[in-house]
Structure formats: structure tokens, C-alpha cells
Amino acid sequence: MQTRDKVEAQPLFNGMNEAVHNPDAVNLQIARNYIAASNPEMLTRTCQAAFDAMTPLREGSTRERWERAGKDKAYDFNLG
């Protein structure tokens, strides 16, 4: 765990133990908690918001693909 601080080590230890029993669900919930703590808006942000932010950074045919993908109904969901 690379720490000698018990207060810091305990959540890491607990997380490792929980992850052994149900790794996918636990890791997803831990990730959501970290995201919520760092940027609460991320939990309600949509894929369209991500496409709107990233598409202008693309050029040429790559940008065209991103524009088409941004209109696809497959990406009609929240990221959180």
C-alpha cells in the first residue's frame, strides 16, 4: 500500500478486501465516488457534452467522424 500511516492505509486495505469479493461493482462505485468528490457535475454529464468538448480539437476526416458519432443514439446516456 506504500504508506505507513494507519489512517491512510485503512481505506486502501478495506477497498482491496471488498474488491476481492465483487471487483467490478466495487471498483465502479469507488470510481464514481472519486468523480463525485472531484467534480459533481461529471455524474450528470452526457456523452454529448464530451463530444461537444472534444470534436473541435479534431481536424479533417477525424473531425467528421466525431461529428457523425456525436449524433449517434448509441451515445445518448449519462457518463455518471
N, C-alpha and C. Protein backbone atom coordinates (compact mmCIF):
# COMPACT_ATOMS: atom_id res chain seq x y z
N MET A 1 0.81 -1.19 0.00
CA MET A 1 0.00 0.00 0.00
C MET A 1 0.85 1.26 0.00
N GLN A 2 2.08 1.12 0.22
CA GLN A 2 3.06 2.20 0.15
C GLN A 2 2.77 3.37 1.09
N THR A 3 2.30 3.03 2.29
CA THR A 3 2.10 4.06 3.31
C THR A 3 2.29 3.43 4.69
N ARG A 4 2.77 4.22 5.61
CA ARG A 4 2.92 3.75 6.99
C ARG A 4 1.86 4.39 7.88
N ASP A 5 1.07 5.28 7.30
CA ASP A 5 0.02 5.98 8.03
C ASP A 5 -1.22 5.09 8.11
N LYS A 6 -1.63 4.71 9.34
CA LYS A 6 -2.77 3.80 9.52
C LYS A 6 -4.07 4.41 8.98
N VAL A 7 -4.25 5.69 9.18
CA VAL A 7 -5.48 6.35 8.71
C VAL A 7 -5.57 6.30 7.19
N GLU A 8 -4.46 6.47 6.53
CA GLU A 8 -4.42 6.41 5.07
C GLU A 8 -4.51 4.96 4.57
N ALA A 9 -3.92 4.04 5.31
CA ALA A 9 -3.87 2.65 4.88
C ALA A 9 -5.21 1.93 5.03
N GLN A 10 -6.00 2.29 6.03
CA GLN A 10 -7.24 1.56 6.30
C GLN A 10 -8.21 1.57 5.12
N PRO A 11 -8.52 2.73 4.50
CA PRO A 11 -9.42 2.70 3.34
C PRO A 11 -8.84 1.90 2.17
N LEU A 12 -7.55 1.96 1.99
CA LEU A 12 -6.92 1.19 0.92
C LEU A 12 -7.06 -0.30 1.19
N PHE A 13 -6.83 -0.68 2.43
CA PHE A 13 -6.96 -2.08 2.83
C PHE A 13 -8.40 -2.57 2.67
N ASN A 14 -9.36 -1.76 3.13
CA ASN A 14 -10.77 -2.12 3.01
C ASN A 14 -11.17 -2.26 1.54
N GLY A 15 -10.73 -1.33 0.73
CA GLY A 15 -11.05 -1.39 -0.70
C GLY A 15 -10.49 -2.63 -1.36
N MET A 16 -9.29 -3.00 -0.99
CA MET A 16 -8.69 -4.22 -1.56
C MET A 16 -9.48 -5.45 -1.15
N ASN A 17 -9.90 -5.51 0.10
CA ASN A 17 -10.68 -6.65 0.58
C ASN A 17 -12.04 -6.73 -0.12
N GLU A 18 -12.72 -5.59 -0.27
CA GLU A 18 -14.02 -5.57 -0.93
C GLU A 18 -13.89 -5.94 -2.40
N ALA A 19 -12.85 -5.48 -3.03
CA ALA A 19 -12.65 -5.74 -4.46
C ALA A 19 -12.46 -7.22 -4.75
N VAL A 20 -11.95 -7.97 -3.80
CA VAL A 20 -11.75 -9.41 -4.00
C VAL A 20 -13.10 -10.11 -4.14
N HIS A 21 -14.09 -9.66 -3.38
CA HIS A 21 -15.39 -10.33 -3.37
C HIS A 21 -16.29 -9.92 -4.54
N ASN A 22 -16.22 -8.68 -4.96
CA ASN A 22 -17.06 -8.19 -6.05
C ASN A 22 -16.31 -7.09 -6.80
N PRO A 23 -15.30 -7.44 -7.57
CA PRO A 23 -14.39 -6.44 -8.13
C PRO A 23 -15.05 -5.41 -9.04
N ASP A 24 -15.93 -5.83 -9.92
CA ASP A 24 -16.49 -4.87 -10.88
C ASP A 24 -17.37 -3.83 -10.21
N ALA A 25 -18.29 -4.27 -9.37
CA ALA A 25 -19.21 -3.34 -8.73
C ALA A 25 -18.48 -2.42 -7.77
N VAL A 26 -17.56 -2.96 -7.01
CA VAL A 26 -16.83 -2.15 -6.04
C VAL A 26 -15.97 -1.11 -6.74
N ASN A 27 -15.24 -1.52 -7.75
CA ASN A 27 -14.37 -0.58 -8.46
C ASN A 27 -15.17 0.51 -9.14
N LEU A 28 -16.33 0.18 -9.70
CA LEU A 28 -17.17 1.18 -10.33
C LEU A 28 -17.68 2.18 -9.31
N GLN A 29 -18.11 1.69 -8.15
CA GLN A 29 -18.62 2.59 -7.12
C GLN A 29 -17.49 3.47 -6.57
N ILE A 30 -16.32 2.93 -6.39
CA ILE A 30 -15.18 3.72 -5.92
C ILE A 30 -14.86 4.81 -6.94
N ALA A 31 -14.87 4.46 -8.22
CA ALA A 31 -14.60 5.45 -9.27
C ALA A 31 -15.64 6.56 -9.25
N ARG A 32 -16.91 6.19 -9.10
CA ARG A 32 -17.98 7.20 -9.04
C ARG A 32 -17.80 8.13 -7.84
N ASN A 33 -17.40 7.57 -6.72
CA ASN A 33 -17.18 8.39 -5.52
C ASN A 33 -16.05 9.39 -5.73
N TYR A 34 -14.96 8.95 -6.34
CA TYR A 34 -13.85 9.86 -6.62
C TYR A 34 -14.28 10.96 -7.60
N ILE A 35 -15.03 10.58 -8.62
CA ILE A 35 -15.50 11.56 -9.60
C ILE A 35 -16.43 12.57 -8.93
N ALA A 36 -17.35 12.08 -8.12
CA ALA A 36 -18.29 12.97 -7.43
C ALA A 36 -17.57 13.94 -6.51
N ALA A 37 -16.52 13.47 -5.86
CA ALA A 37 -15.76 14.33 -4.96
C ALA A 37 -14.97 15.39 -5.72
N SER A 38 -14.45 15.03 -6.87
CA SER A 38 -13.61 15.97 -7.62
C SER A 38 -14.42 16.90 -8.51
N ASN A 39 -15.53 16.40 -9.07
CA ASN A 39 -16.34 17.22 -9.96
C ASN A 39 -17.76 16.66 -9.99
N PRO A 40 -18.65 17.15 -9.11
CA PRO A 40 -20.01 16.61 -9.02
C PRO A 40 -20.79 16.67 -10.34
N GLU A 41 -20.48 17.62 -11.19
CA GLU A 41 -21.19 17.74 -12.47
C GLU A 41 -20.93 16.54 -13.40
N MET A 42 -19.82 15.85 -13.18
CA MET A 42 -19.50 14.70 -14.04
C MET A 42 -20.54 13.60 -13.96
N LEU A 43 -21.21 13.47 -12.82
CA LEU A 43 -22.19 12.40 -12.65
C LEU A 43 -23.45 12.61 -13.49
N THR A 44 -23.70 13.84 -13.91
CA THR A 44 -24.88 14.12 -14.72
C THR A 44 -24.52 14.53 -16.15
N ARG A 45 -23.25 14.60 -16.44
CA ARG A 45 -22.81 15.00 -17.78
C ARG A 45 -23.15 13.91 -18.79
N THR A 46 -23.49 14.32 -19.99
CA THR A 46 -23.85 13.37 -21.04
C THR A 46 -22.67 13.13 -21.98
N CYS A 47 -22.79 12.08 -22.78
CA CYS A 47 -21.77 11.83 -23.79
C CYS A 47 -21.72 12.99 -24.78
N GLN A 48 -22.87 13.61 -25.04
CA GLN A 48 -22.90 14.73 -25.98
C GLN A 48 -22.00 15.86 -25.49
N ALA A 49 -21.96 16.09 -24.20
CA ALA A 49 -21.09 17.12 -23.64
C ALA A 49 -19.63 16.78 -23.93
N ALA A 50 -19.28 15.50 -23.83
CA ALA A 50 -17.91 15.08 -24.13
C ALA A 50 -17.61 15.28 -25.61
N PHE A 51 -18.55 14.90 -26.48
CA PHE A 51 -18.35 15.11 -27.91
C PHE A 51 -18.22 16.60 -28.24
N ASP A 52 -19.07 17.42 -27.62
CA ASP A 52 -19.01 18.87 -27.87
C ASP A 52 -17.67 19.46 -27.46
N ALA A 53 -17.08 18.92 -26.40
CA ALA A 53 -15.79 19.43 -25.94
C ALA A 53 -14.63 18.92 -26.78
N MET A 54 -14.72 17.69 -27.25
CA MET A 54 -13.59 17.06 -27.94
C MET A 54 -13.58 17.26 -29.46
N THR A 55 -14.75 17.37 -30.07
CA THR A 55 -14.82 17.47 -31.53
C THR A 55 -14.05 18.67 -32.09
N PRO A 56 -14.14 19.85 -31.48
CA PRO A 56 -13.39 20.99 -32.04
C PRO A 56 -11.86 20.79 -32.04
N LEU A 57 -11.38 19.84 -31.26
CA LEU A 57 -9.94 19.57 -31.20
C LEU A 57 -9.47 18.67 -32.34
N ARG A 58 -10.41 18.12 -33.10
CA ARG A 58 -10.09 17.22 -34.21
C ARG A 58 -10.03 17.98 -35.52
N GLU A 59 -9.39 17.37 -36.51
CA GLU A 59 -9.27 18.01 -37.83
C GLU A 59 -9.60 17.01 -38.93
N GLY A 60 -10.05 17.54 -40.06
CA GLY A 60 -10.25 16.74 -41.26
C GLY A 60 -11.26 15.62 -41.09
N SER A 61 -10.91 14.45 -41.66
CA SER A 61 -11.83 13.32 -41.64
C SER A 61 -12.08 12.81 -40.22
N THR A 62 -11.11 13.00 -39.34
CA THR A 62 -11.30 12.59 -37.95
C THR A 62 -12.40 13.41 -37.30
N ARG A 63 -12.39 14.71 -37.58
CA ARG A 63 -13.44 15.58 -37.05
C ARG A 63 -14.80 15.19 -37.61
N GLU A 64 -14.87 14.86 -38.89
CA GLU A 64 -16.13 14.43 -39.50
C GLU A 64 -16.67 13.17 -38.82
N ARG A 65 -15.78 12.23 -38.53
CA ARG A 65 -16.19 11.01 -37.83
C ARG A 65 -16.72 11.32 -36.44
N TRP A 66 -16.05 12.22 -35.74
CA TRP A 66 -16.50 12.61 -34.40
C TRP A 66 -17.87 13.29 -34.47
N GLU A 67 -18.08 14.12 -35.48
CA GLU A 67 -19.37 14.79 -35.63
C GLU A 67 -20.48 13.78 -35.88
N ARG A 68 -20.21 12.78 -36.75
CA ARG A 68 -21.21 11.74 -37.01
C ARG A 68 -21.47 10.92 -35.75
N ALA A 69 -20.41 10.56 -35.07
CA ALA A 69 -20.55 9.74 -33.86
C ALA A 69 -21.34 10.49 -32.79
N GLY A 70 -21.14 11.79 -32.69
CA GLY A 70 -21.85 12.59 -31.70
C GLY A 70 -23.35 12.62 -31.92
N LYS A 71 -23.79 12.35 -33.13
CA LYS A 71 -25.22 12.32 -33.45
C LYS A 71 -25.83 10.94 -33.26
N ASP A 72 -25.01 9.93 -33.05
CA ASP A 72 -25.47 8.55 -32.93
C ASP A 72 -26.23 8.35 -31.61
N LYS A 73 -27.38 7.71 -31.68
CA LYS A 73 -28.21 7.46 -30.49
C LYS A 73 -27.52 6.51 -29.49
N ALA A 74 -26.54 5.77 -29.93
CA ALA A 74 -25.82 4.86 -29.04
C ALA A 74 -25.11 5.63 -27.91
N TYR A 75 -24.84 6.90 -28.14
CA TYR A 75 -24.15 7.71 -27.13
C TYR A 75 -25.11 8.60 -26.34
N ASP A 76 -26.39 8.25 -26.35
CA ASP A 76 -27.41 9.03 -25.65
C ASP A 76 -27.57 8.57 -24.20
N PHE A 77 -26.57 8.78 -23.36
CA PHE A 77 -26.66 8.39 -21.96
C PHE A 77 -25.74 9.26 -21.13
N ASN A 78 -25.97 9.24 -19.82
CA ASN A 78 -25.11 9.99 -18.90
C ASN A 78 -23.83 9.23 -18.64
N LEU A 79 -22.75 9.96 -18.42
CA LEU A 79 -21.47 9.34 -18.15
C LEU A 79 -21.36 8.83 -16.72
N GLY A 80 -22.11 9.43 -15.81
CA GLY A 80 -22.02 9.04 -14.39
C GLY A 80 -22.88 7.94 -14.07
